[in-house]
């Protein structure tokens, strides 16, 4: 186990009309919600299997939403995403996790639930990368990223970023250079946001 490495999983409640709404044209609102549930199952399972330290589910609209009931038995920390744009919510979650991290070398990985290829071995590699780098990322093929890991908070990494555009990772690299941070990028993976991305799901995910 890497000492002091917390994994924060940011997720919306898997409810029709709230989660994975951009997939509704292909799957319907109910189908999109069912896929969101499957993706959250996967993300939490891999985060726990990585055995790096505490796993926190940072929830929207809030951790008490009944749609999260099935995961109450897992050994998770729970928190609310709160208000603000994605960058503000990510920065707040990372800041809180760093403050609560065990040990003298706190490390935090923050992930969403959109990348089925993000697995326990990749999480372990990302955590290990923070021994030599200030930050670590798993870029997405669409120009964003599906994982960010840090040893300390720099709010500038998340402020003013054009979220949900192909420019996210490029803008983040500019901010890393401005902060004087070293970082490592692991091989990029696909995330599942739009109907065209459904081809990246593991076989059977839409039928079982």
N, C-alpha and C. Protein backbone atom coordinates (compact mmCIF):
# COMPACT_ATOMS: atom_id res chain seq x y z
N UNK A 1 0.84 -1.19 0.00
CA UNK A 1 0.00 0.00 0.00
C UNK A 1 0.88 1.24 0.00
N UNK A 2 0.59 2.22 -0.87
CA UNK A 2 1.31 3.48 -0.87
C UNK A 2 0.80 4.34 0.27
N UNK A 3 1.67 4.72 1.22
CA UNK A 3 1.18 5.44 2.39
C UNK A 3 0.57 6.78 2.01
N UNK A 4 -0.57 7.07 2.61
CA UNK A 4 -1.16 8.38 2.44
C UNK A 4 -1.84 8.62 1.11
N UNK A 5 -2.14 7.59 0.31
CA UNK A 5 -2.77 7.82 -0.99
C UNK A 5 -4.27 7.58 -0.88
N UNK A 6 -5.03 8.66 -0.99
CA UNK A 6 -6.49 8.60 -0.98
C UNK A 6 -6.99 8.64 -2.42
N UNK A 7 -8.01 7.86 -2.72
CA UNK A 7 -8.67 7.92 -4.02
C UNK A 7 -10.04 8.54 -3.84
N UNK A 8 -10.28 9.64 -4.53
CA UNK A 8 -11.59 10.30 -4.52
C UNK A 8 -12.29 9.98 -5.83
N UNK A 9 -13.48 9.41 -5.74
CA UNK A 9 -14.30 9.10 -6.92
C UNK A 9 -15.44 10.11 -6.95
N UNK A 10 -15.47 10.95 -7.99
CA UNK A 10 -16.54 11.93 -8.14
C UNK A 10 -17.63 11.34 -9.01
N UNK A 11 -18.87 11.40 -8.52
CA UNK A 11 -19.96 10.76 -9.26
C UNK A 11 -21.28 11.46 -8.99
N UNK A 12 -22.11 11.50 -10.03
CA UNK A 12 -23.50 11.91 -9.88
C UNK A 12 -24.34 10.70 -9.50
N UNK A 13 -25.41 10.93 -8.77
CA UNK A 13 -26.34 9.85 -8.47
C UNK A 13 -26.86 9.25 -9.78
N UNK A 14 -26.81 7.93 -9.92
CA UNK A 14 -27.23 7.30 -11.18
C UNK A 14 -28.74 7.27 -11.34
N UNK A 15 -29.29 8.44 -11.63
CA UNK A 15 -30.74 8.58 -11.78
C UNK A 15 -31.08 9.09 -13.17
N UNK A 16 -32.20 8.65 -13.75
CA UNK A 16 -32.61 9.16 -15.05
C UNK A 16 -32.73 10.68 -15.03
N UNK A 17 -32.19 11.30 -16.04
CA UNK A 17 -32.25 12.74 -16.15
C UNK A 17 -31.15 13.47 -15.43
N UNK A 18 -30.32 12.75 -14.67
CA UNK A 18 -29.21 13.38 -13.95
C UNK A 18 -27.86 12.86 -14.42
N UNK A 19 -27.72 11.55 -14.52
CA UNK A 19 -26.43 10.94 -14.84
C UNK A 19 -26.36 10.55 -16.31
N UNK A 20 -25.20 10.82 -16.92
CA UNK A 20 -24.91 10.44 -18.31
C UNK A 20 -26.00 10.90 -19.27
N UNK A 21 -26.44 12.13 -19.13
CA UNK A 21 -27.55 12.63 -19.93
C UNK A 21 -27.20 12.72 -21.41
N UNK A 22 -25.90 12.89 -21.73
CA UNK A 22 -25.53 12.98 -23.15
C UNK A 22 -25.67 11.64 -23.86
N UNK A 23 -25.82 10.55 -23.09
CA UNK A 23 -26.04 9.23 -23.69
C UNK A 23 -27.51 8.90 -23.87
N UNK A 24 -28.39 9.76 -23.35
CA UNK A 24 -29.82 9.48 -23.42
C UNK A 24 -30.34 9.33 -24.85
N UNK A 25 -29.83 10.10 -25.83
CA UNK A 25 -30.34 9.89 -27.19
C UNK A 25 -30.12 8.47 -27.71
N UNK A 26 -29.08 7.80 -27.23
CA UNK A 26 -28.80 6.43 -27.68
C UNK A 26 -29.41 5.38 -26.77
N UNK A 27 -29.46 5.66 -25.47
CA UNK A 27 -29.85 4.64 -24.50
C UNK A 27 -31.18 4.93 -23.82
N UNK A 28 -31.71 6.14 -23.99
CA UNK A 28 -32.86 6.56 -23.20
C UNK A 28 -32.41 6.98 -21.82
N UNK A 29 -33.23 7.73 -21.12
CA UNK A 29 -32.84 8.22 -19.80
C UNK A 29 -32.62 7.08 -18.81
N UNK A 30 -33.48 6.06 -18.86
CA UNK A 30 -33.32 4.92 -17.95
C UNK A 30 -32.06 4.12 -18.29
N UNK A 31 -31.81 3.90 -19.57
CA UNK A 31 -30.62 3.16 -19.97
C UNK A 31 -29.34 3.90 -19.61
N UNK A 32 -29.36 5.21 -19.77
CA UNK A 32 -28.19 6.00 -19.40
C UNK A 32 -27.93 5.91 -17.90
N UNK A 33 -28.99 5.92 -17.11
CA UNK A 33 -28.84 5.80 -15.66
C UNK A 33 -28.30 4.42 -15.27
N UNK A 34 -28.79 3.37 -15.96
CA UNK A 34 -28.28 2.03 -15.67
C UNK A 34 -26.79 1.93 -16.01
N UNK A 35 -26.39 2.54 -17.10
CA UNK A 35 -24.96 2.52 -17.44
C UNK A 35 -24.16 3.32 -16.42
N UNK A 36 -24.69 4.44 -15.97
CA UNK A 36 -24.00 5.22 -14.94
C UNK A 36 -23.79 4.39 -13.68
N UNK A 37 -24.79 3.58 -13.34
CA UNK A 37 -24.66 2.70 -12.17
C UNK A 37 -23.56 1.66 -12.40
N UNK A 38 -23.50 1.10 -13.59
CA UNK A 38 -22.47 0.11 -13.91
C UNK A 38 -21.08 0.74 -13.87
N UNK A 39 -20.96 1.95 -14.40
CA UNK A 39 -19.68 2.65 -14.39
C UNK A 39 -19.24 2.99 -12.97
N UNK A 40 -20.19 3.38 -12.13
CA UNK A 40 -19.84 3.68 -10.74
C UNK A 40 -19.43 2.41 -10.00
N UNK A 41 -20.12 1.31 -10.25
CA UNK A 41 -19.71 0.03 -9.67
C UNK A 41 -18.25 -0.28 -10.02
N UNK A 42 -17.93 -0.10 -11.29
CA UNK A 42 -16.58 -0.40 -11.77
C UNK A 42 -15.56 0.51 -11.11
N UNK A 43 -15.82 1.82 -11.10
CA UNK A 43 -14.86 2.76 -10.54
C UNK A 43 -14.59 2.50 -9.07
N UNK A 44 -15.64 2.27 -8.30
CA UNK A 44 -15.46 2.00 -6.87
C UNK A 44 -14.77 0.66 -6.65
N UNK A 45 -15.14 -0.35 -7.44
CA UNK A 45 -14.50 -1.66 -7.29
C UNK A 45 -13.02 -1.60 -7.56
N UNK A 46 -12.62 -0.90 -8.63
CA UNK A 46 -11.19 -0.80 -8.95
C UNK A 46 -10.46 0.06 -7.92
N UNK A 47 -11.09 1.11 -7.44
CA UNK A 47 -10.46 1.96 -6.42
C UNK A 47 -10.20 1.18 -5.15
N UNK A 48 -11.16 0.36 -4.73
CA UNK A 48 -10.97 -0.46 -3.54
C UNK A 48 -9.95 -1.56 -3.79
N UNK A 49 -9.98 -2.16 -4.98
CA UNK A 49 -9.04 -3.24 -5.29
C UNK A 49 -7.61 -2.74 -5.36
N UNK A 50 -7.41 -1.47 -5.69
CA UNK A 50 -6.06 -0.92 -5.76
C UNK A 50 -5.37 -0.95 -4.40
N UNK A 51 -6.14 -0.91 -3.32
CA UNK A 51 -5.61 -1.04 -1.96
C UNK A 51 -4.52 -0.01 -1.68
N UNK A 52 -4.82 1.24 -2.03
CA UNK A 52 -3.84 2.32 -1.83
C UNK A 52 -4.06 3.10 -0.56
N UNK A 53 -5.26 3.05 -0.04
CA UNK A 53 -5.62 3.85 1.12
C UNK A 53 -7.12 4.11 1.12
N UNK A 54 -7.57 5.16 1.81
CA UNK A 54 -9.00 5.45 1.86
C UNK A 54 -9.58 5.73 0.47
N UNK A 55 -10.83 5.32 0.29
CA UNK A 55 -11.58 5.62 -0.94
C UNK A 55 -12.78 6.46 -0.53
N UNK A 56 -12.93 7.60 -1.19
CA UNK A 56 -14.00 8.54 -0.88
C UNK A 56 -14.92 8.68 -2.09
N UNK A 57 -16.22 8.59 -1.86
CA UNK A 57 -17.20 8.87 -2.90
C UNK A 57 -17.69 10.29 -2.70
N UNK A 58 -17.34 11.16 -3.63
CA UNK A 58 -17.72 12.56 -3.59
C UNK A 58 -18.93 12.73 -4.49
N UNK A 59 -20.08 12.93 -3.89
CA UNK A 59 -21.36 12.70 -4.55
C UNK A 59 -22.07 13.98 -4.93
N UNK A 60 -22.86 13.89 -5.98
CA UNK A 60 -23.78 14.95 -6.39
C UNK A 60 -25.15 14.31 -6.68
N UNK A 61 -26.26 14.92 -6.31
CA UNK A 61 -26.32 16.22 -5.64
C UNK A 61 -25.82 16.21 -4.21
N UNK A 62 -25.92 15.08 -3.52
CA UNK A 62 -25.34 14.96 -2.17
C UNK A 62 -25.27 13.49 -1.81
N UNK A 63 -24.46 13.21 -0.79
CA UNK A 63 -24.17 11.82 -0.42
C UNK A 63 -25.37 11.09 0.15
N UNK A 64 -26.40 11.82 0.56
CA UNK A 64 -27.58 11.18 1.13
C UNK A 64 -28.63 10.83 0.09
N UNK A 65 -28.36 11.08 -1.17
CA UNK A 65 -29.33 10.75 -2.21
C UNK A 65 -29.63 9.25 -2.18
N UNK A 66 -30.91 8.85 -2.21
CA UNK A 66 -31.25 7.42 -2.14
C UNK A 66 -30.64 6.58 -3.25
N UNK A 67 -30.28 7.19 -4.37
CA UNK A 67 -29.70 6.42 -5.47
C UNK A 67 -28.34 5.84 -5.12
N UNK A 68 -27.72 6.33 -4.06
CA UNK A 68 -26.42 5.79 -3.63
C UNK A 68 -26.56 4.68 -2.58
N UNK A 69 -27.78 4.27 -2.26
CA UNK A 69 -28.01 3.36 -1.14
C UNK A 69 -27.25 2.04 -1.30
N UNK A 70 -27.15 1.52 -2.52
CA UNK A 70 -26.56 0.18 -2.71
C UNK A 70 -25.08 0.14 -2.36
N UNK A 71 -24.42 1.29 -2.28
CA UNK A 71 -22.98 1.32 -1.97
C UNK A 71 -22.69 1.64 -0.50
N UNK A 72 -23.74 1.73 0.31
CA UNK A 72 -23.54 2.09 1.72
C UNK A 72 -22.76 1.04 2.49
N UNK A 73 -22.79 -0.20 2.03
CA UNK A 73 -22.10 -1.26 2.77
C UNK A 73 -20.60 -1.31 2.46
N UNK A 74 -20.15 -0.57 1.47
CA UNK A 74 -18.72 -0.58 1.13
C UNK A 74 -17.93 0.29 2.10
N UNK A 75 -16.65 -0.02 2.28
CA UNK A 75 -15.81 0.76 3.20
C UNK A 75 -15.37 2.08 2.57
N UNK A 76 -16.30 3.01 2.45
CA UNK A 76 -16.05 4.28 1.78
C UNK A 76 -16.17 5.44 2.74
N UNK A 77 -15.44 6.51 2.43
CA UNK A 77 -15.76 7.81 2.98
C UNK A 77 -16.79 8.46 2.05
N UNK A 78 -17.60 9.35 2.60
CA UNK A 78 -18.64 10.01 1.81
C UNK A 78 -18.50 11.52 1.95
N UNK A 79 -18.74 12.22 0.85
CA UNK A 79 -18.73 13.68 0.88
C UNK A 79 -19.63 14.20 -0.21
N UNK A 80 -19.96 15.49 -0.14
CA UNK A 80 -20.77 16.15 -1.16
C UNK A 80 -19.87 16.96 -2.07
N UNK A 81 -20.21 16.99 -3.36
CA UNK A 81 -19.44 17.82 -4.28
C UNK A 81 -19.68 19.31 -4.03
N UNK A 82 -20.86 19.67 -3.62
CA UNK A 82 -21.15 21.08 -3.36
C UNK A 82 -21.36 21.86 -4.64
N UNK A 83 -21.25 23.18 -4.52
CA UNK A 83 -21.56 24.07 -5.63
C UNK A 83 -20.31 24.43 -6.41
N UNK A 84 -20.52 25.15 -7.52
CA UNK A 84 -19.41 25.60 -8.34
C UNK A 84 -19.24 24.77 -9.59
N UNK A 85 -18.35 25.25 -10.48
CA UNK A 85 -18.09 24.49 -11.69
C UNK A 85 -17.23 23.27 -11.37
N UNK A 86 -16.95 22.47 -12.38
CA UNK A 86 -16.23 21.22 -12.14
C UNK A 86 -14.87 21.48 -11.48
N UNK A 87 -14.15 22.50 -11.95
CA UNK A 87 -12.85 22.79 -11.38
C UNK A 87 -12.92 23.16 -9.91
N UNK A 88 -13.91 23.95 -9.54
CA UNK A 88 -14.07 24.33 -8.14
C UNK A 88 -14.38 23.12 -7.28
N UNK A 89 -15.23 22.23 -7.79
CA UNK A 89 -15.59 21.04 -7.02
C UNK A 89 -14.41 20.08 -6.90
N UNK A 90 -13.62 19.95 -7.97
CA UNK A 90 -12.44 19.09 -7.92
C UNK A 90 -11.41 19.64 -6.93
N UNK A 91 -11.15 20.94 -7.00
CA UNK A 91 -10.17 21.54 -6.10
C UNK A 91 -10.59 21.38 -4.64
N UNK A 92 -11.87 21.57 -4.38
CA UNK A 92 -12.37 21.43 -3.01
C UNK A 92 -12.22 19.99 -2.53
N UNK A 93 -12.53 19.02 -3.38
CA UNK A 93 -12.42 17.62 -2.99
C UNK A 93 -10.96 17.25 -2.72
N UNK A 94 -10.05 17.71 -3.57
CA UNK A 94 -8.63 17.40 -3.38
C UNK A 94 -8.10 18.06 -2.12
N UNK A 95 -8.46 19.31 -1.90
CA UNK A 95 -8.01 20.03 -0.70
C UNK A 95 -8.45 19.30 0.56
N UNK A 96 -9.70 18.86 0.58
CA UNK A 96 -10.22 18.15 1.75
C UNK A 96 -9.50 16.82 1.94
N UNK A 97 -9.30 16.09 0.85
CA UNK A 97 -8.64 14.78 0.96
C UNK A 97 -7.19 14.92 1.41
N UNK A 98 -6.49 15.94 0.94
CA UNK A 98 -5.12 16.16 1.39
C UNK A 98 -5.07 16.46 2.88
N UNK A 99 -6.03 17.27 3.35
CA UNK A 99 -6.05 17.63 4.76
C UNK A 99 -6.33 16.42 5.65
N UNK A 100 -7.08 15.45 5.12
CA UNK A 100 -7.45 14.27 5.90
C UNK A 100 -6.51 13.10 5.69
N UNK A 101 -5.56 13.23 4.76
CA UNK A 101 -4.73 12.08 4.37
C UNK A 101 -3.85 11.62 5.52
N UNK A 102 -3.69 10.31 5.67
CA UNK A 102 -2.80 9.79 6.69
C UNK A 102 -1.34 9.93 6.29
N UNK A 103 -0.46 9.89 7.27
CA UNK A 103 0.97 9.89 6.98
C UNK A 103 1.53 11.27 6.73
N UNK A 104 2.83 11.33 6.45
CA UNK A 104 3.53 12.59 6.27
C UNK A 104 3.73 12.94 4.80
N UNK A 105 3.34 12.07 3.91
CA UNK A 105 3.48 12.34 2.47
C UNK A 105 2.13 12.15 1.80
N UNK A 106 1.19 13.06 2.05
CA UNK A 106 -0.16 12.88 1.52
C UNK A 106 -0.18 12.88 0.00
N UNK A 107 -0.98 12.00 -0.56
CA UNK A 107 -1.16 11.89 -2.00
C UNK A 107 -2.63 11.64 -2.25
N UNK A 108 -3.14 12.25 -3.29
CA UNK A 108 -4.55 12.09 -3.64
C UNK A 108 -4.67 11.81 -5.13
N UNK A 109 -5.45 10.81 -5.47
CA UNK A 109 -5.88 10.57 -6.84
C UNK A 109 -7.37 10.90 -6.92
N UNK A 110 -7.74 11.64 -7.94
CA UNK A 110 -9.15 11.96 -8.15
C UNK A 110 -9.56 11.43 -9.52
N UNK A 111 -10.66 10.68 -9.54
CA UNK A 111 -11.15 10.10 -10.78
C UNK A 111 -12.64 10.33 -10.89
N UNK A 112 -13.16 10.19 -12.11
CA UNK A 112 -14.59 10.14 -12.32
C UNK A 112 -15.01 8.69 -12.52
N UNK A 113 -16.09 8.50 -13.25
CA UNK A 113 -16.59 7.14 -13.47
C UNK A 113 -16.73 6.84 -14.97
N UNK A 114 -16.14 7.69 -15.83
CA UNK A 114 -16.42 7.60 -17.26
C UNK A 114 -15.46 6.71 -18.04
N UNK A 115 -14.43 6.18 -17.40
CA UNK A 115 -13.37 5.48 -18.13
C UNK A 115 -13.29 4.02 -17.71
N UNK A 116 -13.91 3.10 -18.44
CA UNK A 116 -13.87 1.68 -18.06
C UNK A 116 -12.46 1.10 -18.05
N UNK A 117 -11.53 1.69 -18.82
CA UNK A 117 -10.17 1.16 -18.86
C UNK A 117 -9.34 1.53 -17.64
N UNK A 118 -9.84 2.42 -16.82
CA UNK A 118 -9.11 2.84 -15.63
C UNK A 118 -9.28 1.76 -14.56
N UNK A 119 -8.21 1.01 -14.31
CA UNK A 119 -8.31 -0.14 -13.42
C UNK A 119 -7.32 -0.03 -12.26
N UNK A 120 -7.36 -1.03 -11.39
CA UNK A 120 -6.53 -1.01 -10.18
C UNK A 120 -5.04 -0.91 -10.49
N UNK A 121 -4.48 -1.68 -11.44
CA UNK A 121 -3.06 -1.53 -11.74
C UNK A 121 -2.69 -0.11 -12.20
N UNK A 122 -3.56 0.52 -12.99
CA UNK A 122 -3.28 1.88 -13.43
C UNK A 122 -3.32 2.85 -12.26
N UNK A 123 -4.24 2.64 -11.33
CA UNK A 123 -4.30 3.48 -10.14
C UNK A 123 -3.03 3.33 -9.30
N UNK A 124 -2.54 2.10 -9.18
CA UNK A 124 -1.30 1.90 -8.43
C UNK A 124 -0.12 2.59 -9.11
N UNK A 125 -0.05 2.50 -10.43
CA UNK A 125 1.02 3.17 -11.17
C UNK A 125 0.95 4.67 -10.98
N UNK A 126 -0.26 5.22 -11.02
CA UNK A 126 -0.43 6.66 -10.83
C UNK A 126 0.02 7.08 -9.44
N UNK A 127 -0.37 6.32 -8.43
CA UNK A 127 0.04 6.65 -7.07
C UNK A 127 1.55 6.59 -6.91
N UNK A 128 2.18 5.58 -7.48
CA UNK A 128 3.63 5.45 -7.39
C UNK A 128 4.34 6.61 -8.09
N UNK A 129 3.73 7.15 -9.13
CA UNK A 129 4.33 8.25 -9.87
C UNK A 129 4.48 9.50 -9.01
N UNK A 130 3.66 9.63 -7.98
CA UNK A 130 3.72 10.81 -7.12
C UNK A 130 4.92 10.79 -6.19
N UNK A 131 5.67 9.70 -6.17
CA UNK A 131 6.91 9.69 -5.40
C UNK A 131 7.96 10.56 -6.06
N UNK A 132 7.86 10.72 -7.38
CA UNK A 132 8.88 11.47 -8.12
C UNK A 132 8.35 12.71 -8.82
N UNK A 133 7.03 12.88 -8.85
CA UNK A 133 6.43 13.99 -9.58
C UNK A 133 5.41 14.71 -8.70
N UNK A 134 5.19 15.98 -9.01
CA UNK A 134 4.20 16.75 -8.26
C UNK A 134 2.78 16.35 -8.63
N UNK A 135 2.60 15.88 -9.85
CA UNK A 135 1.25 15.53 -10.32
C UNK A 135 1.34 14.39 -11.32
N UNK A 136 0.23 13.70 -11.48
CA UNK A 136 0.13 12.62 -12.46
C UNK A 136 -1.24 12.70 -13.11
N UNK A 137 -1.31 12.37 -14.39
CA UNK A 137 -2.57 12.42 -15.13
C UNK A 137 -2.70 11.17 -16.00
N UNK A 138 -3.96 10.78 -16.20
CA UNK A 138 -4.30 9.84 -17.27
C UNK A 138 -5.13 10.64 -18.26
N UNK A 139 -4.56 11.03 -19.38
CA UNK A 139 -5.32 11.80 -20.37
C UNK A 139 -6.43 10.95 -21.00
N UNK A 140 -7.40 11.63 -21.55
CA UNK A 140 -8.46 10.98 -22.33
C UNK A 140 -8.23 11.25 -23.80
N UNK A 141 -8.69 10.35 -24.64
CA UNK A 141 -8.51 10.52 -26.08
C UNK A 141 -9.22 11.77 -26.61
N UNK A 142 -10.21 12.27 -25.86
CA UNK A 142 -10.97 13.43 -26.35
C UNK A 142 -10.34 14.77 -25.96
N UNK A 143 -9.15 14.73 -25.35
CA UNK A 143 -8.47 15.96 -24.99
C UNK A 143 -8.59 16.35 -23.53
N UNK A 144 -9.37 15.62 -22.78
CA UNK A 144 -9.47 15.86 -21.34
C UNK A 144 -8.58 14.92 -20.56
N UNK A 145 -8.96 14.62 -19.33
CA UNK A 145 -8.26 13.60 -18.55
C UNK A 145 -9.24 12.91 -17.63
N UNK A 146 -8.91 11.66 -17.27
CA UNK A 146 -9.81 10.85 -16.45
C UNK A 146 -9.25 10.62 -15.06
N UNK A 147 -8.01 11.04 -14.82
CA UNK A 147 -7.39 10.92 -13.50
C UNK A 147 -6.43 12.08 -13.33
N UNK A 148 -6.47 12.67 -12.14
CA UNK A 148 -5.45 13.62 -11.71
C UNK A 148 -5.00 13.20 -10.32
N UNK A 149 -3.69 13.20 -10.12
CA UNK A 149 -3.13 12.91 -8.82
C UNK A 149 -2.16 14.01 -8.43
N UNK A 150 -2.19 14.41 -7.16
CA UNK A 150 -1.32 15.49 -6.69
C UNK A 150 -0.81 15.19 -5.29
N UNK A 151 0.27 15.89 -4.92
CA UNK A 151 0.80 15.83 -3.56
C UNK A 151 0.44 17.07 -2.76
N UNK A 152 0.01 18.12 -3.45
CA UNK A 152 -0.44 19.34 -2.78
C UNK A 152 -1.39 20.04 -3.73
N UNK A 153 -2.18 20.94 -3.18
CA UNK A 153 -3.19 21.60 -4.00
C UNK A 153 -2.60 22.83 -4.68
N UNK A 154 -2.89 22.99 -5.93
CA UNK A 154 -2.65 24.23 -6.67
C UNK A 154 -3.95 24.56 -7.37
N UNK A 155 -4.72 25.48 -6.80
CA UNK A 155 -6.04 25.80 -7.34
C UNK A 155 -5.95 26.26 -8.79
N UNK A 156 -4.80 26.82 -9.19
CA UNK A 156 -4.65 27.31 -10.57
C UNK A 156 -4.79 26.19 -11.59
N UNK A 157 -4.55 24.93 -11.19
CA UNK A 157 -4.70 23.82 -12.12
C UNK A 157 -6.15 23.64 -12.56
N UNK A 158 -7.08 24.11 -11.76
CA UNK A 158 -8.49 23.83 -12.00
C UNK A 158 -9.31 25.09 -12.26
N UNK A 159 -8.67 26.25 -12.22
CA UNK A 159 -9.39 27.52 -12.36
C UNK A 159 -9.38 27.98 -13.81
N UNK A 160 -10.56 28.29 -14.34
CA UNK A 160 -10.66 28.85 -15.67
C UNK A 160 -10.41 27.87 -16.80
N UNK A 161 -10.48 26.58 -16.53
CA UNK A 161 -10.29 25.56 -17.56
C UNK A 161 -11.59 25.40 -18.35
N UNK A 162 -11.47 25.23 -19.65
CA UNK A 162 -12.65 25.03 -20.52
C UNK A 162 -13.09 23.58 -20.43
N UNK A 163 -13.77 23.23 -19.35
CA UNK A 163 -14.18 21.85 -19.10
C UNK A 163 -15.10 21.35 -20.21
N UNK A 164 -15.06 20.05 -20.44
CA UNK A 164 -15.87 19.38 -21.46
C UNK A 164 -15.55 19.87 -22.87
N UNK A 165 -14.30 20.24 -23.08
CA UNK A 165 -13.82 20.61 -24.42
C UNK A 165 -12.54 19.83 -24.70
N UNK A 166 -12.07 19.83 -25.95
CA UNK A 166 -10.83 19.13 -26.28
C UNK A 166 -9.57 19.83 -25.77
N UNK A 167 -9.72 20.95 -25.06
CA UNK A 167 -8.58 21.76 -24.66
C UNK A 167 -8.17 21.55 -23.20
N UNK A 168 -8.87 20.69 -22.49
CA UNK A 168 -8.66 20.58 -21.04
C UNK A 168 -7.22 20.17 -20.70
N UNK A 169 -6.72 19.12 -21.31
CA UNK A 169 -5.38 18.65 -20.96
C UNK A 169 -4.32 19.65 -21.40
N UNK A 170 -4.50 20.27 -22.57
CA UNK A 170 -3.54 21.25 -23.04
C UNK A 170 -3.49 22.46 -22.11
N UNK A 171 -4.64 22.93 -21.67
CA UNK A 171 -4.66 24.05 -20.73
C UNK A 171 -4.03 23.66 -19.39
N UNK A 172 -4.25 22.42 -18.99
CA UNK A 172 -3.68 21.95 -17.73
C UNK A 172 -2.16 21.89 -17.82
N UNK A 173 -1.63 21.45 -18.95
CA UNK A 173 -0.17 21.45 -19.12
C UNK A 173 0.40 22.86 -19.00
N UNK A 174 -0.30 23.86 -19.55
CA UNK A 174 0.15 25.24 -19.43
C UNK A 174 0.18 25.67 -17.97
N UNK A 175 -0.81 25.29 -17.21
CA UNK A 175 -0.87 25.67 -15.79
C UNK A 175 0.22 24.95 -14.99
N UNK A 176 0.50 23.71 -15.34
CA UNK A 176 1.59 22.99 -14.68
C UNK A 176 2.93 23.69 -14.92
N UNK A 177 3.17 24.12 -16.15
CA UNK A 177 4.41 24.83 -16.45
C UNK A 177 4.47 26.14 -15.67
N UNK A 178 3.35 26.85 -15.59
CA UNK A 178 3.33 28.12 -14.87
C UNK A 178 3.59 27.93 -13.38
N UNK A 179 3.14 26.81 -12.83
CA UNK A 179 3.36 26.52 -11.41
C UNK A 179 4.75 25.95 -11.15
N UNK A 180 5.46 25.56 -12.21
CA UNK A 180 6.76 24.94 -12.03
C UNK A 180 6.69 23.52 -11.51
N UNK A 181 5.58 22.85 -11.80
CA UNK A 181 5.38 21.48 -11.32
C UNK A 181 5.93 20.48 -12.33
N UNK A 182 6.47 19.39 -11.81
CA UNK A 182 6.76 18.23 -12.66
C UNK A 182 5.53 17.34 -12.68
N UNK A 183 5.32 16.66 -13.81
CA UNK A 183 4.18 15.75 -13.85
C UNK A 183 4.48 14.61 -14.80
N UNK A 184 3.74 13.53 -14.61
CA UNK A 184 3.81 12.36 -15.48
C UNK A 184 2.45 12.12 -16.09
N UNK A 185 2.44 11.73 -17.35
CA UNK A 185 1.21 11.34 -18.02
C UNK A 185 1.28 9.86 -18.38
N UNK A 186 0.30 9.10 -17.92
CA UNK A 186 0.19 7.69 -18.28
C UNK A 186 -0.48 7.59 -19.65
N UNK A 187 -0.47 6.42 -20.27
CA UNK A 187 -1.09 6.29 -21.60
C UNK A 187 -2.56 6.72 -21.58
N UNK A 188 -3.01 7.43 -22.60
CA UNK A 188 -4.40 7.90 -22.62
C UNK A 188 -5.39 6.75 -22.79
N UNK A 189 -6.59 6.98 -22.32
CA UNK A 189 -7.67 6.00 -22.43
C UNK A 189 -8.92 6.71 -22.94
N UNK A 190 -9.91 5.93 -23.29
CA UNK A 190 -11.19 6.48 -23.75
C UNK A 190 -12.12 6.69 -22.57
N UNK A 191 -12.86 7.79 -22.63
CA UNK A 191 -13.96 7.92 -21.69
C UNK A 191 -15.28 7.81 -22.45
N UNK A 192 -16.36 7.61 -21.71
CA UNK A 192 -17.66 7.34 -22.32
C UNK A 192 -18.60 8.48 -21.96
N UNK A 193 -18.72 9.44 -22.88
CA UNK A 193 -19.57 10.61 -22.65
C UNK A 193 -20.68 10.74 -23.68
N UNK A 194 -20.35 10.41 -24.93
CA UNK A 194 -21.26 10.61 -26.05
C UNK A 194 -21.65 9.24 -26.64
N UNK A 195 -22.76 9.20 -27.39
CA UNK A 195 -23.15 7.91 -27.99
C UNK A 195 -22.04 7.23 -28.79
N UNK A 196 -21.21 8.00 -29.49
CA UNK A 196 -20.13 7.39 -30.27
C UNK A 196 -19.11 6.68 -29.39
N UNK A 197 -19.06 7.04 -28.10
CA UNK A 197 -18.09 6.45 -27.19
C UNK A 197 -18.51 5.07 -26.68
N UNK A 198 -19.73 4.67 -26.94
CA UNK A 198 -20.22 3.40 -26.41
C UNK A 198 -19.43 2.21 -26.92
N UNK A 199 -18.72 2.38 -28.03
CA UNK A 199 -17.90 1.28 -28.55
C UNK A 199 -16.76 0.94 -27.61
N UNK A 200 -16.44 1.82 -26.68
CA UNK A 200 -15.33 1.60 -25.75
C UNK A 200 -15.76 0.84 -24.49
N UNK A 201 -17.04 0.51 -24.38
CA UNK A 201 -17.50 -0.26 -23.23
C UNK A 201 -17.05 -1.71 -23.35
N UNK A 202 -16.75 -2.38 -22.24
CA UNK A 202 -16.44 -3.81 -22.30
C UNK A 202 -17.64 -4.59 -22.85
N UNK A 203 -17.37 -5.72 -23.50
CA UNK A 203 -18.45 -6.53 -24.06
C UNK A 203 -19.49 -6.90 -22.99
N UNK A 204 -20.74 -6.77 -23.35
CA UNK A 204 -21.81 -7.17 -22.45
C UNK A 204 -22.31 -6.13 -21.49
N UNK A 205 -21.64 -5.01 -21.40
CA UNK A 205 -22.06 -3.98 -20.43
C UNK A 205 -23.44 -3.41 -20.72
N UNK A 206 -23.84 -3.39 -21.96
CA UNK A 206 -25.13 -2.82 -22.29
C UNK A 206 -26.24 -3.87 -22.33
N UNK A 207 -25.87 -5.14 -22.19
CA UNK A 207 -26.88 -6.19 -22.30
C UNK A 207 -27.06 -6.99 -21.02
N UNK A 208 -26.13 -6.84 -20.08
CA UNK A 208 -26.24 -7.64 -18.85
C UNK A 208 -26.71 -6.79 -17.69
